Amino acid sequence: MAEQGKLSSWLSAHPVWTFVLLTSSFLGFGILSVDLAKVILANAEYISSNGWAGLIDGGLQQLFEIIRNAIAAMMFYLLFKLCEHVLVDKLANQNLKSRQD
């Protein structure tokens, strides 16, 4: 089995803070990903209908902002999954230990 990273070890040692971080990352992912598909389609339509002028007029900047938001949303999602994994492992190990006793 692979060695745990520092963050994973810290999260495992602090389940309450892990749950708080899990909730916060879930909210961050939700806020950043709401209507992301609509904004991407609207931006693509704007650029395709206005061409080069649309890019210069702010379409390219908006595209970079969309990509930045998508990357931030994925970082929140990965943090959520890490916290989820740590909490599920901790709960599963507690259940196994209590059954063995």
PDB file of N, CA and C in Angstrom:
ATOM      1  N   MET A   1       0.838  -1.178   0.000  1.00  0.00           N
ATOM      2  CA  MET A   1       0.000   0.000   0.000  1.00  0.00           C
ATOM      3  C   MET A   1       0.886   1.245   0.000  1.00  0.00           C
ATOM      4  N   ALA A   2       0.452   2.284  -0.695  1.00  0.00           N
ATOM      5  CA  ALA A   2       1.240   3.501  -0.814  1.00  0.00           C
ATOM      6  C   ALA A   2       1.270   4.271   0.500  1.00  0.00           C
ATOM      7  N   GLU A   3       2.364   4.971   0.695  1.00  0.00           N
ATOM      8  CA  GLU A   3       2.516   5.785   1.904  1.00  0.00           C
ATOM      9  C   GLU A   3       1.578   6.989   1.817  1.00  0.00           C
ATOM     10  N   GLN A   4       0.945   7.323   2.958  1.00  0.00           N
ATOM     11  CA  GLN A   4       0.046   8.466   2.983  1.00  0.00           C
ATOM     12  C   GLN A   4       0.832   9.764   2.891  1.00  0.00           C
ATOM     13  N   GLY A   5       0.242  10.733   2.208  1.00  0.00           N
ATOM     14  CA  GLY A   5       0.846  12.050   2.142  1.00  0.00           C
ATOM     15  C   GLY A   5       0.601  12.815   3.433  1.00  0.00           C
ATOM     16  N   LYS A   6       1.262  13.959   3.560  1.00  0.00           N
ATOM     17  CA  LYS A   6       1.122  14.764   4.772  1.00  0.00           C
ATOM     18  C   LYS A   6      -0.314  15.242   4.955  1.00  0.00           C
ATOM     19  N   LEU A   7      -0.932  15.695   3.861  1.00  0.00           N
ATOM     20  CA  LEU A   7      -2.305  16.193   3.955  1.00  0.00           C
ATOM     21  C   LEU A   7      -3.261  15.081   4.343  1.00  0.00           C
ATOM     22  N   SER A   8      -3.107  13.934   3.728  1.00  0.00           N
ATOM     23  CA  SER A   8      -3.973  12.797   4.039  1.00  0.00           C
ATOM     24  C   SER A   8      -3.800  12.347   5.485  1.00  0.00           C
ATOM     25  N   SER A   9      -2.576  12.341   5.968  1.00  0.00           N
ATOM     26  CA  SER A   9      -2.321  11.971   7.366  1.00  0.00           C
ATOM     27  C   SER A   9      -2.951  12.973   8.321  1.00  0.00           C
ATOM     28  N   TRP A  10      -2.807  14.261   8.003  1.00  0.00           N
ATOM     29  CA  TRP A  10      -3.398  15.286   8.859  1.00  0.00           C
ATOM     30  C   TRP A  10      -4.919  15.167   8.865  1.00  0.00           C
ATOM     31  N   LEU A  11      -5.503  14.956   7.692  1.00  0.00           N
ATOM     32  CA  LEU A  11      -6.959  14.811   7.609  1.00  0.00           C
ATOM     33  C   LEU A  11      -7.434  13.602   8.398  1.00  0.00           C
ATOM     34  N   SER A  12      -6.683  12.528   8.340  1.00  0.00           N
ATOM     35  CA  SER A  12      -7.048  11.318   9.070  1.00  0.00           C
ATOM     36  C   SER A  12      -6.993  11.533  10.580  1.00  0.00           C
ATOM     37  N   ALA A  13      -6.078  12.381  11.024  1.00  0.00           N
ATOM     38  CA  ALA A  13      -5.940  12.647  12.459  1.00  0.00           C
ATOM     39  C   ALA A  13      -6.955  13.665  12.979  1.00  0.00           C
ATOM     40  N   HIS A  14      -7.605  14.404  12.076  1.00  0.00           N
ATOM     41  CA  HIS A  14      -8.554  15.454  12.466  1.00  0.00           C
ATOM     42  C   HIS A  14      -9.880  15.277  11.719  1.00  0.00           C
ATOM     43  N   PRO A  15     -10.705  14.313  12.119  1.00  0.00           N
ATOM     44  CA  PRO A  15     -11.932  14.028  11.367  1.00  0.00           C
ATOM     45  C   PRO A  15     -12.950  15.171  11.354  1.00  0.00           C
ATOM     46  N   VAL A  16     -13.017  15.958  12.415  1.00  0.00           N
ATOM     47  CA  VAL A  16     -13.981  17.069  12.433  1.00  0.00           C
ATOM     48  C   VAL A  16     -13.582  18.127  11.405  1.00  0.00           C
ATOM     49  N   TRP A  17     -12.294  18.474  11.381  1.00  0.00           N
ATOM     50  CA  TRP A  17     -11.821  19.439  10.393  1.00  0.00           C
ATOM     51  C   TRP A  17     -11.913  18.876   8.977  1.00  0.00           C
ATOM     52  N   THR A  18     -11.755  17.583   8.846  1.00  0.00           N
ATOM     53  CA  THR A  18     -11.908  16.944   7.541  1.00  0.00           C
ATOM     54  C   THR A  18     -13.339  17.096   7.051  1.00  0.00           C
ATOM     55  N   PHE A  19     -14.298  16.920   7.956  1.00  0.00           N
ATOM     56  CA  PHE A  19     -15.699  17.075   7.582  1.00  0.00           C
ATOM     57  C   PHE A  19     -16.011  18.529   7.215  1.00  0.00           C
ATOM     58  N   VAL A  20     -15.448  19.474   7.958  1.00  0.00           N
ATOM     59  CA  VAL A  20     -15.637  20.897   7.638  1.00  0.00           C
ATOM     60  C   VAL A  20     -15.048  21.204   6.265  1.00  0.00           C
ATOM     61  N   LEU A  21     -13.857  20.686   5.991  1.00  0.00           N
ATOM     62  CA  LEU A  21     -13.214  20.893   4.696  1.00  0.00           C
ATOM     63  C   LEU A  21     -13.992  20.205   3.582  1.00  0.00           C
ATOM     64  N   LEU A  22     -14.529  19.030   3.860  1.00  0.00           N
ATOM     65  CA  LEU A  22     -15.359  18.314   2.892  1.00  0.00           C
ATOM     66  C   LEU A  22     -16.572  19.155   2.521  1.00  0.00           C
ATOM     67  N   THR A  23     -17.244  19.708   3.522  1.00  0.00           N
ATOM     68  CA  THR A  23     -18.422  20.535   3.277  1.00  0.00           C
ATOM     69  C   THR A  23     -18.062  21.802   2.513  1.00  0.00           C
ATOM     70  N   SER A  24     -16.977  22.448   2.902  1.00  0.00           N
ATOM     71  CA  SER A  24     -16.544  23.676   2.225  1.00  0.00           C
ATOM     72  C   SER A  24     -16.168  23.413   0.770  1.00  0.00           C
ATOM     73  N   SER A  25     -15.462  22.329   0.529  1.00  0.00           N
ATOM     74  CA  SER A  25     -15.061  22.018  -0.845  1.00  0.00           C
ATOM     75  C   SER A  25     -16.266  21.630  -1.693  1.00  0.00           C
ATOM     76  N   PHE A  26     -17.261  20.980  -1.083  1.00  0.00           N
ATOM     77  CA  PHE A  26     -18.494  20.658  -1.800  1.00  0.00           C
ATOM     78  C   PHE A  26     -19.204  21.942  -2.222  1.00  0.00           C
ATOM     79  N   LEU A  27     -19.289  22.895  -1.308  1.00  0.00           N
ATOM     80  CA  LEU A  27     -19.929  24.172  -1.629  1.00  0.00           C
ATOM     81  C   LEU A  27     -19.140  24.936  -2.689  1.00  0.00           C
ATOM     82  N   GLY A  28     -17.816  24.955  -2.567  1.00  0.00           N
ATOM     83  CA  GLY A  28     -16.983  25.623  -3.565  1.00  0.00           C
ATOM     84  C   GLY A  28     -17.155  25.021  -4.949  1.00  0.00           C
ATOM     85  N   PHE A  29     -17.184  23.693  -5.020  1.00  0.00           N
ATOM     86  CA  PHE A  29     -17.391  23.021  -6.303  1.00  0.00           C
ATOM     87  C   PHE A  29     -18.760  23.362  -6.871  1.00  0.00           C
ATOM     88  N   GLY A  30     -19.770  23.334  -6.015  1.00  0.00           N
ATOM     89  CA  GLY A  30     -21.129  23.626  -6.473  1.00  0.00           C
ATOM     90  C   GLY A  30     -21.272  25.043  -6.990  1.00  0.00           C
ATOM     91  N   ILE A  31     -20.722  25.995  -6.260  1.00  0.00           N
ATOM     92  CA  ILE A  31     -20.829  27.400  -6.659  1.00  0.00           C
ATOM     93  C   ILE A  31     -20.110  27.651  -7.978  1.00  0.00           C
ATOM     94  N   LEU A  32     -18.915  27.088  -8.128  1.00  0.00           N
ATOM     95  CA  LEU A  32     -18.137  27.334  -9.345  1.00  0.00           C
ATOM     96  C   LEU A  32     -18.664  26.581 -10.560  1.00  0.00           C
ATOM     97  N   SER A  33     -19.338  25.471 -10.342  1.00  0.00           N
ATOM     98  CA  SER A  33     -19.761  24.680 -11.493  1.00  0.00           C
ATOM     99  C   SER A  33     -21.201  24.951 -11.929  1.00  0.00           C
ATOM    100  N   VAL A  34     -21.949  25.746 -11.154  1.00  0.00           N
ATOM    101  CA  VAL A  34     -23.320  26.075 -11.540  1.00  0.00           C
ATOM    102  C   VAL A  34     -23.288  26.870 -12.844  1.00  0.00           C
ATOM    103  N   ASP A  35     -24.055  26.460 -13.771  1.00  0.00           N
ATOM    104  CA  ASP A  35     -24.196  27.123 -15.075  1.00  0.00           C
ATOM    105  C   ASP A  35     -22.902  27.196 -15.881  1.00  0.00           C
ATOM    106  N   LEU A  36     -21.899  26.403 -15.518  1.00  0.00           N
ATOM    107  CA  LEU A  36     -20.638  26.437 -16.258  1.00  0.00           C
ATOM    108  C   LEU A  36     -20.853  26.019 -17.713  1.00  0.00           C
ATOM    109  N   ALA A  37     -21.664  25.003 -17.929  1.00  0.00           N
ATOM    110  CA  ALA A  37     -21.927  24.544 -19.298  1.00  0.00           C
ATOM    111  C   ALA A  37     -22.648  25.624 -20.106  1.00  0.00           C
ATOM    112  N   LYS A  38     -23.614  26.303 -19.490  1.00  0.00           N
ATOM    113  CA  LYS A  38     -24.337  27.376 -20.190  1.00  0.00           C
ATOM    114  C   LYS A  38     -23.396  28.503 -20.589  1.00  0.00           C
ATOM    115  N   VAL A  39     -22.521  28.888 -19.680  1.00  0.00           N
ATOM    116  CA  VAL A  39     -21.588  29.983 -19.953  1.00  0.00           C
ATOM    117  C   VAL A  39     -20.609  29.587 -21.055  1.00  0.00           C
ATOM    118  N   ILE A  40     -20.153  28.353 -21.032  1.00  0.00           N
ATOM    119  CA  ILE A  40     -19.238  27.881 -22.080  1.00  0.00           C
ATOM    120  C   ILE A  40     -19.922  27.924 -23.443  1.00  0.00           C
ATOM    121  N   LEU A  41     -21.159  27.427 -23.510  1.00  0.00           N
ATOM    122  CA  LEU A  41     -21.888  27.436 -24.781  1.00  0.00           C
ATOM    123  C   LEU A  41     -22.179  28.858 -25.251  1.00  0.00           C
ATOM    124  N   ALA A  42     -22.561  29.739 -24.329  1.00  0.00           N
ATOM    125  CA  ALA A  42     -22.827  31.129 -24.703  1.00  0.00           C
ATOM    126  C   ALA A  42     -21.559  31.805 -25.214  1.00  0.00           C
ATOM    127  N   ASN A  43     -20.429  31.548 -24.565  1.00  0.00           N
ATOM    128  CA  ASN A  43     -19.166  32.130 -24.996  1.00  0.00           C
ATOM    129  C   ASN A  43     -18.765  31.602 -26.367  1.00  0.00           C
ATOM    130  N   ALA A  44     -18.919  30.303 -26.567  1.00  0.00           N
ATOM    131  CA  ALA A  44     -18.579  29.713 -27.870  1.00  0.00           C
ATOM    132  C   ALA A  44     -19.468  30.284 -28.974  1.00  0.00           C
ATOM    133  N   GLU A  45     -20.748  30.460 -28.676  1.00  0.00           N
ATOM    134  CA  GLU A  45     -21.666  31.037 -29.670  1.00  0.00           C
ATOM    135  C   GLU A  45     -21.283  32.484 -29.979  1.00  0.00           C
ATOM    136  N   TYR A  46     -20.932  33.243 -28.944  1.00  0.00           N
ATOM    137  CA  TYR A  46     -20.532  34.646 -29.125  1.00  0.00           C
ATOM    138  C   TYR A  46     -19.283  34.741 -29.996  1.00  0.00           C
ATOM    139  N   ILE A  47     -18.300  33.905 -29.700  1.00  0.00           N
ATOM    140  CA  ILE A  47     -17.055  33.938 -30.471  1.00  0.00           C
ATOM    141  C   ILE A  47     -17.297  33.483 -31.905  1.00  0.00           C
ATOM    142  N   SER A  48     -18.100  32.428 -32.085  1.00  0.00           N
ATOM    143  CA  SER A  48     -18.330  31.930 -33.446  1.00  0.00           C
ATOM    144  C   SER A  48     -19.152  32.907 -34.281  1.00  0.00           C
ATOM    145  N   SER A  49     -20.063  33.639 -33.664  1.00  0.00           N
ATOM    146  CA  SER A  49     -20.873  34.577 -34.451  1.00  0.00           C
ATOM    147  C   SER A  49     -20.161  35.911 -34.683  1.00  0.00           C
ATOM    148  N   ASN A  50     -19.235  36.292 -33.813  1.00  0.00           N
ATOM    149  CA  ASN A  50     -18.546  37.577 -33.967  1.00  0.00           C
ATOM    150  C   ASN A  50     -17.112  37.441 -34.454  1.00  0.00           C
ATOM    151  N   GLY A  51     -16.602  36.228 -34.482  1.00  0.00           N
ATOM    152  CA  GLY A  51     -15.263  35.987 -35.005  1.00  0.00           C
ATOM    153  C   GLY A  51     -14.168  36.693 -34.226  1.00  0.00           C
ATOM    154  N   TRP A  52     -13.200  37.229 -34.990  1.00  0.00           N
ATOM    155  CA  TRP A  52     -12.040  37.877 -34.385  1.00  0.00           C
ATOM    156  C   TRP A  52     -12.451  39.062 -33.513  1.00  0.00           C
ATOM    157  N   ALA A  53     -13.449  39.813 -33.954  1.00  0.00           N
ATOM    158  CA  ALA A  53     -13.922  40.968 -33.175  1.00  0.00           C
ATOM    159  C   ALA A  53     -14.476  40.506 -31.827  1.00  0.00           C
ATOM    160  N   GLY A  54     -15.121  39.358 -31.809  1.00  0.00           N
ATOM    161  CA  GLY A  54     -15.644  38.811 -30.559  1.00  0.00           C
ATOM    162  C   GLY A  54     -14.536  38.422 -29.596  1.00  0.00           C
ATOM    163  N   LEU A  55     -13.454  37.891 -30.143  1.00  0.00           N
ATOM    164  CA  LEU A  55     -12.304  37.552 -29.296  1.00  0.00           C
ATOM    165  C   LEU A  55     -11.679  38.803 -28.694  1.00  0.00           C
ATOM    166  N   ILE A  56     -11.491  39.821 -29.537  1.00  0.00           N
ATOM    167  CA  ILE A  56     -10.871  41.057 -29.071  1.00  0.00           C
ATOM    168  C   ILE A  56     -11.780  41.787 -28.086  1.00  0.00           C
ATOM    169  N   ASP A  57     -13.082  41.685 -28.308  1.00  0.00           N
ATOM    170  CA  ASP A  57     -14.061  42.426 -27.500  1.00  0.00           C
ATOM    171  C   ASP A  57     -14.320  41.794 -26.136  1.00  0.00           C
ATOM    172  N   GLY A  58     -13.582  40.780 -25.768  1.00  0.00           N
ATOM    173  CA  GLY A  58     -13.729  40.206 -24.434  1.00  0.00           C
ATOM    174  C   GLY A  58     -14.040  38.725 -24.429  1.00  0.00           C
ATOM    175  N   GLY A  59     -14.273  38.150 -25.583  1.00  0.00           N
ATOM    176  CA  GLY A  59     -14.581  36.722 -25.652  1.00  0.00           C
ATOM    177  C   GLY A  59     -13.421  35.850 -25.206  1.00  0.00           C
ATOM    178  N   LEU A  60     -12.211  36.251 -25.565  1.00  0.00           N
ATOM    179  CA  LEU A  60     -11.030  35.476 -25.179  1.00  0.00           C
ATOM    180  C   LEU A  60     -10.777  35.579 -23.675  1.00  0.00           C
ATOM    181  N   GLN A  61     -10.943  36.771 -23.127  1.00  0.00           N
ATOM    182  CA  GLN A  61     -10.773  36.942 -21.684  1.00  0.00           C
ATOM    183  C   GLN A  61     -11.813  36.115 -20.928  1.00  0.00           C
ATOM    184  N   GLN A  62     -13.051  36.139 -21.415  1.00  0.00           N
ATOM    185  CA  GLN A  62     -14.095  35.356 -20.758  1.00  0.00           C
ATOM    186  C   GLN A  62     -13.792  33.862 -20.864  1.00  0.00           C
ATOM    187  N   LEU A  63     -13.251  33.426 -21.989  1.00  0.00           N
ATOM    188  CA  LEU A  63     -12.884  32.023 -22.154  1.00  0.00           C
ATOM    189  C   LEU A  63     -11.817  31.621 -21.132  1.00  0.00           C
ATOM    190  N   PHE A  64     -10.816  32.480 -20.930  1.00  0.00           N
ATOM    191  CA  PHE A  64      -9.792  32.192 -19.921  1.00  0.00           C
ATOM    192  C   PHE A  64     -10.385  32.164 -18.513  1.00  0.00           C
ATOM    193  N   GLU A  65     -11.345  33.041 -18.238  1.00  0.00           N
ATOM    194  CA  GLU A  65     -12.007  33.045 -16.932  1.00  0.00           C
ATOM    195  C   GLU A  65     -12.822  31.771 -16.725  1.00  0.00           C
ATOM    196  N   ILE A  66     -13.459  31.298 -17.784  1.00  0.00           N
ATOM    197  CA  ILE A  66     -14.220  30.048 -17.711  1.00  0.00           C
ATOM    198  C   ILE A  66     -13.279  28.886 -17.415  1.00  0.00           C
ATOM    199  N   ILE A  67     -12.145  28.846 -18.110  1.00  0.00           N
ATOM    200  CA  ILE A  67     -11.165  27.779 -17.890  1.00  0.00           C
ATOM    201  C   ILE A  67     -10.620  27.850 -16.465  1.00  0.00           C
ATOM    202  N   ARG A  68     -10.339  29.057 -15.971  1.00  0.00           N
ATOM    203  CA  ARG A  68      -9.868  29.229 -14.596  1.00  0.00           C
ATOM    204  C   ARG A  68     -10.906  28.711 -13.600  1.00  0.00           C
ATOM    205  N   ASN A  69     -12.182  29.043 -13.823  1.00  0.00           N
ATOM    206  CA  ASN A  69     -13.241  28.569 -12.929  1.00  0.00           C
ATOM    207  C   ASN A  69     -13.383  27.051 -12.986  1.00  0.00           C
ATOM    208  N   ALA A  70     -13.224  26.481 -14.169  1.00  0.00           N
ATOM    209  CA  ALA A  70     -13.313  25.025 -14.302  1.00  0.00           C
ATOM    210  C   ALA A  70     -12.166  24.338 -13.556  1.00  0.00           C
ATOM    211  N   ILE A  71     -10.970  24.894 -13.653  1.00  0.00           N
ATOM    212  CA  ILE A  71      -9.820  24.324 -12.936  1.00  0.00           C
ATOM    213  C   ILE A  71     -10.021  24.442 -11.427  1.00  0.00           C
ATOM    214  N   ALA A  72     -10.491  25.597 -10.971  1.00  0.00           N
ATOM    215  CA  ALA A  72     -10.745  25.779  -9.536  1.00  0.00           C
ATOM    216  C   ALA A  72     -11.833  24.825  -9.058  1.00  0.00           C
ATOM    217  N   ALA A  73     -12.877  24.637  -9.868  1.00  0.00           N
ATOM    218  CA  ALA A  73     -13.947  23.705  -9.500  1.00  0.00           C
ATOM    219  C   ALA A  73     -13.407  22.286  -9.380  1.00  0.00           C
ATOM    220  N   MET A  74     -12.526  21.887 -10.291  1.00  0.00           N
ATOM    221  CA  MET A  74     -11.952  20.544 -10.219  1.00  0.00           C
ATOM    222  C   MET A  74     -11.036  20.392  -9.006  1.00  0.00           C
ATOM    223  N   MET A  75     -10.351  21.452  -8.629  1.00  0.00           N
ATOM    224  CA  MET A  75      -9.517  21.383  -7.424  1.00  0.00           C
ATOM    225  C   MET A  75     -10.394  21.191  -6.187  1.00  0.00           C
ATOM    226  N   PHE A  76     -11.514  21.910  -6.130  1.00  0.00           N
ATOM    227  CA  PHE A  76     -12.451  21.711  -5.024  1.00  0.00           C
ATOM    228  C   PHE A  76     -12.999  20.290  -5.030  1.00  0.00           C
ATOM    229  N   TYR A  77     -13.288  19.757  -6.230  1.00  0.00           N
ATOM    230  CA  TYR A  77     -13.818  18.396  -6.333  1.00  0.00           C
ATOM    231  C   TYR A  77     -12.787  17.372  -5.844  1.00  0.00           C
ATOM    232  N   LEU A  78     -11.539  17.549  -6.247  1.00  0.00           N
ATOM    233  CA  LEU A  78     -10.489  16.624  -5.802  1.00  0.00           C
ATOM    234  C   LEU A  78     -10.292  16.685  -4.294  1.00  0.00           C
ATOM    235  N   LEU A  79     -10.367  17.881  -3.726  1.00  0.00           N
ATOM    236  CA  LEU A  79     -10.272  18.024  -2.273  1.00  0.00           C
ATOM    237  C   LEU A  79     -11.455  17.338  -1.598  1.00  0.00           C
ATOM    238  N   PHE A  80     -12.640  17.493  -2.174  1.00  0.00           N
ATOM    239  CA  PHE A  80     -13.830  16.818  -1.656  1.00  0.00           C
ATOM    240  C   PHE A  80     -13.634  15.303  -1.663  1.00  0.00           C
ATOM    241  N   LYS A  81     -13.146  14.766  -2.779  1.00  0.00           N
ATOM    242  CA  LYS A  81     -12.948  13.316  -2.885  1.00  0.00           C
ATOM    243  C   LYS A  81     -11.880  12.822  -1.908  1.00  0.00           C
ATOM    244  N   LEU A  82     -10.820  13.600  -1.701  1.00  0.00           N
ATOM    245  CA  LEU A  82      -9.794  13.220  -0.731  1.00  0.00           C
ATOM    246  C   LEU A  82     -10.391  13.152   0.667  1.00  0.00           C
ATOM    247  N   CYS A  83     -11.136  14.180   1.054  1.00  0.00           N
ATOM    248  CA  CYS A  83     -11.765  14.189   2.385  1.00  0.00           C
ATOM    249  C   CYS A  83     -12.753  13.040   2.523  1.00  0.00           C
ATOM    250  N   GLU A  84     -13.519  12.798   1.466  1.00  0.00           N
ATOM    251  CA  GLU A  84     -14.479  11.690   1.493  1.00  0.00           C
ATOM    252  C   GLU A  84     -13.757  10.361   1.699  1.00  0.00           C
ATOM    253  N   HIS A  85     -12.680  10.162   0.963  1.00  0.00           N
ATOM    254  CA  HIS A  85     -11.913   8.920   1.060  1.00  0.00           C
ATOM    255  C   HIS A  85     -11.363   8.728   2.476  1.00  0.00           C
ATOM    256  N   VAL A  86     -10.809   9.791   3.044  1.00  0.00           N
ATOM    257  CA  VAL A  86     -10.241   9.709   4.396  1.00  0.00           C
ATOM    258  C   VAL A  86     -11.327   9.369   5.409  1.00  0.00           C
ATOM    259  N   LEU A  87     -12.472  10.047   5.320  1.00  0.00           N
ATOM    260  CA  LEU A  87     -13.548   9.800   6.284  1.00  0.00           C
ATOM    261  C   LEU A  87     -14.141   8.402   6.140  1.00  0.00           C
ATOM    262  N   VAL A  88     -14.334   7.947   4.907  1.00  0.00           N
ATOM    263  CA  VAL A  88     -14.883   6.601   4.692  1.00  0.00           C
ATOM    264  C   VAL A  88     -13.911   5.549   5.212  1.00  0.00           C
ATOM    265  N   ASP A  89     -12.617   5.707   4.932  1.00  0.00           N
ATOM    266  CA  ASP A  89     -11.622   4.762   5.456  1.00  0.00           C
ATOM    267  C   ASP A  89     -11.615   4.750   6.979  1.00  0.00           C
ATOM    268  N   LYS A  90     -11.692   5.930   7.578  1.00  0.00           N
ATOM    269  CA  LYS A  90     -11.679   6.021   9.034  1.00  0.00           C
ATOM    270  C   LYS A  90     -12.909   5.325   9.623  1.00  0.00           C
ATOM    271  N   LEU A  91     -14.079   5.572   9.040  1.00  0.00           N
ATOM    272  CA  LEU A  91     -15.302   4.924   9.529  1.00  0.00           C
ATOM    273  C   LEU A  91     -15.266   3.417   9.305  1.00  0.00           C
ATOM    274  N   ALA A  92     -14.769   2.986   8.157  1.00  0.00           N
ATOM    275  CA  ALA A  92     -14.696   1.551   7.868  1.00  0.00           C
ATOM    276  C   ALA A  92     -13.733   0.853   8.826  1.00  0.00           C
ATOM    277  N   ASN A  93     -12.600   1.471   9.098  1.00  0.00           N
ATOM    278  CA  ASN A  93     -11.632   0.873  10.026  1.00  0.00           C
ATOM    279  C   ASN A  93     -12.173   0.825  11.445  1.00  0.00           C
ATOM    280  N   GLN A  94     -12.937   1.835  11.854  1.00  0.00           N
ATOM    281  CA  GLN A  94     -13.545   1.818  13.189  1.00  0.00           C
ATOM    282  C   GLN A  94     -14.561   0.690  13.297  1.00  0.00           C
ATOM    283  N   ASN A  95     -15.341   0.481  12.230  1.00  0.00           N
ATOM    284  CA  ASN A  95     -16.321  -0.609  12.242  1.00  0.00           C
ATOM    285  C   ASN A  95     -15.637  -1.967  12.306  1.00  0.00           C
ATOM    286  N   LEU A  96     -14.534  -2.135  11.581  1.00  0.00           N
ATOM    287  CA  LEU A  96     -13.801  -3.402  11.615  1.00  0.00           C
ATOM    288  C   LEU A  96     -13.202  -3.651  12.991  1.00  0.00           C
ATOM    289  N   LYS A  97     -12.643  -2.607  13.603  1.00  0.00           N
ATOM    290  CA  LYS A  97     -12.044  -2.758  14.931  1.00  0.00           C
ATOM    291  C   LYS A  97     -13.102  -3.089  15.976  1.00  0.00           C
ATOM    292  N   SER A  98     -14.275  -2.461  15.877  1.00  0.00           N
ATOM    293  CA  SER A  98     -15.322  -2.730  16.871  1.00  0.00           C
ATOM    294  C   SER A  98     -15.888  -4.137  16.709  1.00  0.00           C
ATOM    295  N   ARG A  99     -15.916  -4.660  15.505  1.00  0.00           N
ATOM    296  CA  ARG A  99     -16.403  -6.032  15.283  1.00  0.00           C
ATOM    297  C   ARG A  99     -15.396  -7.067  15.772  1.00  0.00           C
ATOM    298  N   GLN A 100     -14.102  -6.725  15.690  1.00  0.00           N
ATOM    299  CA  GLN A 100     -13.073  -7.662  16.128  1.00  0.00           C
ATOM    300  C   GLN A 100     -12.997  -7.753  17.643  1.00  0.00           C
ATOM    301  N   ASP A 101     -13.418  -6.705  18.339  1.00  0.00           N
ATOM    302  CA  ASP A 101     -13.360  -6.707  19.814  1.00  0.00           C
ATOM    303  C   ASP A 101     -14.483  -7.465  20.401  1.00  0.00           C
TER     304      ASP A 101
END
